[in-house]
C-alpha atoms as a PDB file:
ATOM      1  CA  MET A   1     -16.235 -79.001 157.671  1.00  0.00           C
ATOM      2  CA  VAL A   2     -13.911 -80.531 155.042  1.00  0.00           C
ATOM      3  CA  CYS A   3     -15.819 -77.911 152.718  1.00  0.00           C
ATOM      4  CA  PHE A   4     -14.820 -74.925 154.968  1.00  0.00           C
ATOM      5  CA  GLU A   5     -10.973 -76.029 155.167  1.00  0.00           C
ATOM      6  CA  ILE A   6     -11.392 -76.793 151.075  1.00  0.00           C
ATOM      7  CA  LEU A   7     -12.717 -73.183 150.888  1.00  0.00           C
ATOM      8  CA  THR A   8     -10.377 -71.110 153.022  1.00  0.00           C
ATOM      9  CA  TYR A   9      -6.885 -73.155 152.262  1.00  0.00           C
ATOM     10  CA  ALA A  10      -8.123 -72.601 148.484  1.00  0.00           C
ATOM     11  CA  VAL A  11      -7.556 -68.437 149.334  1.00  0.00           C
ATOM     12  CA  CYS A  12      -4.247 -69.485 150.700  1.00  0.00           C
ATOM     13  CA  MET A  13      -2.993 -71.755 148.241  1.00  0.00           C
ATOM     14  CA  ALA A  14      -3.625 -69.725 145.407  1.00  0.00           C
ATOM     15  CA  SER A  15      -2.354 -66.514 147.271  1.00  0.00           C
ATOM     16  CA  MET A  16       0.943 -68.770 147.805  1.00  0.00           C
ATOM     17  CA  ALA A  17       1.166 -69.732 144.082  1.00  0.00           C
ATOM     18  CA  ILE A  18       0.282 -66.191 142.914  1.00  0.00           C
ATOM     19  CA  ALA A  19       2.827 -64.428 144.936  1.00  0.00           C
ATOM     20  CA  GLY A  20       5.667 -67.559 144.343  1.00  0.00           C
ATOM     21  CA  PHE A  21       5.330 -67.539 140.527  1.00  0.00           C
ATOM     22  CA  GLY A  22       4.664 -63.923 140.219  1.00  0.00           C
ATOM     23  CA  PRO A  23       8.034 -62.573 140.571  1.00  0.00           C
ATOM     24  CA  TRP A  24       9.368 -65.541 138.295  1.00  0.00           C
ATOM     25  CA  LEU A  25       7.013 -64.896 135.602  1.00  0.00           C
ATOM     26  CA  GLY A  26       7.411 -61.138 135.921  1.00  0.00           C
ATOM     27  CA  VAL A  27       4.001 -60.315 137.177  1.00  0.00           C
ATOM     28  CA  PHE A  28       5.575 -58.951 139.772  1.00  0.00           C
ATOM     29  CA  SER A  29       8.775 -56.497 140.097  1.00  0.00           C
ATOM     30  CA  GLY A  30      11.906 -57.452 142.315  1.00  0.00           C
ATOM     31  CA  ARG A  31      14.067 -59.945 142.875  1.00  0.00           C
ATOM     32  CA  ALA A  32      13.200 -63.110 144.797  1.00  0.00           C
ATOM     33  CA  PRO A  33      15.138 -66.301 146.191  1.00  0.00           C
ATOM     34  CA  ALA A  34      14.126 -69.647 144.466  1.00  0.00           C
ATOM     35  CA  ALA A  35      13.825 -71.036 148.205  1.00  0.00           C
ATOM     36  CA  LEU A  36      11.112 -68.427 149.349  1.00  0.00           C
ATOM     37  CA  THR A  37       8.804 -68.156 146.100  1.00  0.00           C
ATOM     38  CA  LEU A  38       9.286 -71.039 143.944  1.00  0.00           C
ATOM     39  CA  VAL A  39       9.444 -73.910 146.446  1.00  0.00           C
ATOM     40  CA  PRO A  40       6.015 -72.643 148.354  1.00  0.00           C
ATOM     41  CA  ALA A  41       4.260 -72.181 144.818  1.00  0.00           C
ATOM     42  CA  VAL A  42       5.248 -75.380 143.620  1.00  0.00           C
ATOM     43  CA  PHE A  43       3.809 -76.891 146.827  1.00  0.00           C
ATOM     44  CA  ALA A  44       0.820 -74.951 146.714  1.00  0.00           C
ATOM     45  CA  THR A  45       0.045 -75.867 142.806  1.00  0.00           C
ATOM     46  CA  VAL A  46       0.370 -79.375 143.727  1.00  0.00           C
ATOM     47  CA  VAL A  47      -1.944 -79.368 146.625  1.00  0.00           C
ATOM     48  CA  ILE A  48      -4.436 -77.377 144.322  1.00  0.00           C
ATOM     49  CA  VAL A  49      -3.648 -80.012 141.559  1.00  0.00           C
ATOM     50  CA  VAL A  50      -4.278 -83.200 143.771  1.00  0.00           C
ATOM     51  CA  VAL A  51      -7.156 -81.788 145.871  1.00  0.00           C
ATOM     52  CA  LEU A  52      -9.108 -80.796 142.444  1.00  0.00           C
ATOM     53  CA  SER A  53      -8.339 -84.023 140.727  1.00  0.00           C
ATOM     54  CA  MET A  54     -10.399 -85.771 143.618  1.00  0.00           C
ATOM     55  CA  LEU A  55     -13.481 -84.707 141.388  1.00  0.00           C
ATOM     56  CA  PHE A  56     -12.341 -87.047 138.842  1.00  0.00           C
ATOM     57  CA  VAL A  57     -10.200 -89.842 140.443  1.00  0.00           C
ATOM     58  CA  TYR A  58     -12.121 -89.976 144.148  1.00  0.00           C
ATOM     59  CA  GLN A  59     -13.719 -93.768 143.095  1.00  0.00           C
ATOM     60  CA  PRO A  60     -10.314 -95.075 141.885  1.00  0.00           C
ATOM     61  CA  VAL A  61      -8.619 -93.738 144.675  1.00  0.00           C
ATOM     62  CA  GLU A  62     -11.020 -95.331 147.083  1.00  0.00           C
ATOM     63  CA  ALA A  63     -11.056 -98.478 145.507  1.00  0.00           C
ATOM     64  CA  LEU A  64      -7.142 -98.605 145.772  1.00  0.00           C
ATOM     65  CA  LEU A  65      -7.160 -97.597 149.301  1.00  0.00           C
ATOM     66  CA  LEU A  66      -9.933-100.462 150.274  1.00  0.00           C
ATOM     67  CA  ARG A  67      -7.785-103.061 148.198  1.00  0.00           C
ATOM     68  CA  ARG A  68      -4.715-102.189 150.320  1.00  0.00           C
ATOM     69  CA  ALA A  69      -6.479-102.070 153.570  1.00  0.00           C
ATOM     70  CA  GLU A  70      -7.799-105.995 152.843  1.00  0.00           C
ATOM     71  CA  ARG A  71      -4.364-106.827 152.013  1.00  0.00           C
ATOM     72  CA  SER A  72      -2.952-105.307 154.970  1.00  0.00           C
ATOM     73  CA  SER A  73      -3.318-106.149 158.713  1.00  0.00           C
ATOM     74  CA  GLY A  74      -3.018-104.344 161.819  1.00  0.00           C
ATOM     75  CA  LYS A  75      -2.590-100.431 162.139  1.00  0.00           C
ATOM     76  CA  ALA A  76      -1.538-100.345 158.229  1.00  0.00           C
ATOM     77  CA  ALA A  77      -5.172-102.006 157.506  1.00  0.00           C
ATOM     78  CA  ARG A  78      -6.983 -99.582 159.997  1.00  0.00           C
ATOM     79  CA  ARG A  79      -4.861 -96.508 158.542  1.00  0.00           C
ATOM     80  CA  CYS A  80      -5.841 -97.270 154.891  1.00  0.00           C
ATOM     81  CA  SER A  81      -9.256 -97.978 155.681  1.00  0.00           C
ATOM     82  CA  ARG A  82      -9.870 -94.811 157.440  1.00  0.00           C
ATOM     83  CA  ALA A  83      -8.101 -93.074 154.836  1.00  0.00           C
ATOM     84  CA  ALA A  84     -10.322 -94.815 152.281  1.00  0.00           C
ATOM     85  CA  ALA A  85     -13.116 -92.300 153.286  1.00  0.00           C
ATOM     86  CA  TRP A  86     -11.360 -89.309 152.269  1.00  0.00           C
ATOM     87  CA  PRO A  87     -11.416 -89.082 148.608  1.00  0.00           C
ATOM     88  CA  ARG A  88     -15.226 -89.467 148.599  1.00  0.00           C
ATOM     89  CA  ALA A  89     -15.461 -86.557 151.210  1.00  0.00           C
ATOM     90  CA  LEU A  90     -13.375 -84.600 149.349  1.00  0.00           C
ATOM     91  CA  HIS A  91     -15.547 -85.162 145.774  1.00  0.00           C
ATOM     92  CA  THR A  92     -18.294 -84.046 147.762  1.00  0.00           C
ATOM     93  CA  CYS A  93     -17.188 -81.227 149.408  1.00  0.00           C
ATOM     94  CA  LEU A  94     -15.868 -80.132 146.269  1.00  0.00           C
ATOM     95  CA  VAL A  95     -18.952 -80.623 144.710  1.00  0.00           C
ATOM     96  CA  MET A  96     -20.733 -78.318 147.520  1.00  0.00           C
ATOM     97  CA  ALA A  97     -17.626 -75.621 147.069  1.00  0.00           C
ATOM     98  CA  ILE A  98     -17.941 -75.134 143.642  1.00  0.00           C
ATOM     99  CA  ALA A  99     -21.818 -74.808 143.774  1.00  0.00           C
ATOM    100  CA  MET A 100     -21.348 -72.314 146.372  1.00  0.00           C
ATOM    101  CA  VAL A 101     -18.929 -70.433 143.880  1.00  0.00           C
ATOM    102  CA  LYS A 102     -20.943 -70.645 141.110  1.00  0.00           C
ATOM    103  CA  ARG A 103     -24.161 -68.938 143.220  1.00  0.00           C
ATOM    104  CA  ARG A 104     -22.071 -66.638 144.623  1.00  0.00           C
ATOM    105  CA  ASP A 105     -22.664 -67.091 148.196  1.00  0.00           C
ATOM    106  CA  PRO A 106     -22.081 -64.014 149.893  1.00  0.00           C
ATOM    107  CA  SER A 107     -20.621 -66.461 152.840  1.00  0.00           C
ATOM    108  CA  LEU A 108     -17.778 -67.146 150.637  1.00  0.00           C
ATOM    109  CA  LEU A 109     -16.111 -63.724 151.643  1.00  0.00           C
ATOM    110  CA  GLY A 110     -15.822 -65.246 154.975  1.00  0.00           C
ATOM    111  CA  ALA A 111     -12.614 -67.148 153.676  1.00  0.00           C
ATOM    112  CA  LEU A 112     -10.890 -63.918 151.980  1.00  0.00           C
ATOM    113  CA  GLY A 113     -11.382 -62.637 155.706  1.00  0.00           C
ATOM    114  CA  ASP A 114     -10.079 -65.751 157.604  1.00  0.00           C
ATOM    115  CA  TRP A 115      -6.722 -65.286 154.818  1.00  0.00           C
ATOM    116  CA  GLY A 116      -6.743 -61.590 155.391  1.00  0.00           C
ATOM    117  CA  PHE A 117      -7.194 -61.716 159.333  1.00  0.00           C
ATOM    118  CA  ASP A 118      -4.385 -64.569 158.930  1.00  0.00           C
ATOM    119  CA  ILE A 119      -1.983 -61.722 157.345  1.00  0.00           C
ATOM    120  CA  ALA A 120      -2.896 -58.982 159.889  1.00  0.00           C
ATOM    121  CA  VAL A 121      -1.939 -61.440 162.845  1.00  0.00           C
ATOM    122  CA  LEU A 122       1.391 -62.236 161.048  1.00  0.00           C
ATOM    123  CA  TRP A 123       1.950 -58.283 160.305  1.00  0.00           C
ATOM    124  CA  ALA A 124       0.934 -57.723 164.306  1.00  0.00           C
ATOM    125  CA  SER A 125       3.333 -60.223 165.252  1.00  0.00           C
ATOM    126  CA  PHE A 126       6.181 -59.157 163.342  1.00  0.00           C
ATOM    127  CA  ARG A 127       5.752 -55.289 164.912  1.00  0.00           C
ATOM    128  CA  ALA A 128       5.110 -56.530 168.384  1.00  0.00           C
ATOM    129  CA  PHE A 129       8.743 -58.314 167.871  1.00  0.00           C
ATOM    130  CA  GLY A 130      10.422 -55.081 166.478  1.00  0.00           C
ATOM    131  CA  HIS A 131      10.715 -56.052 162.914  1.00  0.00           C
ATOM    132  CA  SER A 132       8.991 -54.697 160.352  1.00  0.00           C
ATOM    133  CA  LEU A 133       8.817 -55.746 156.570  1.00  0.00           C
ATOM    134  CA  PRO A 134       9.276 -53.639 153.525  1.00  0.00           C
ATOM    135  CA  ALA A 135       5.820 -52.570 152.086  1.00  0.00           C
ATOM    136  CA  ARG A 136       7.385 -53.185 148.559  1.00  0.00           C
END
């Protein structure tokens, strides 16, 4: 399940970063307010960097969370203990996702399709409520 989420959100985060930085880097024409383009692009880039960092630093992060769980008590200890499982899960699923990309697995088209249908639903919602966006 985590591998599926990584693959689908990779498309979403990459498109958010590209669409957000594009106008500012001159890749796309037009003017765009920073709050609507740069803020989401920076957020997407941070998410991508944090998730990809788990390829290299999952063990120290896991150890840190386990140490914090030992020092804490009550809800904090339970939360840290549960959170300690995430770095290894992210690492394992990232390795699986990268392997799927390397072997050009046809199921990767599902991630693109998922993103495409999300955009189509957004478009249909705007049309249903009488707002249409310019196609620039």
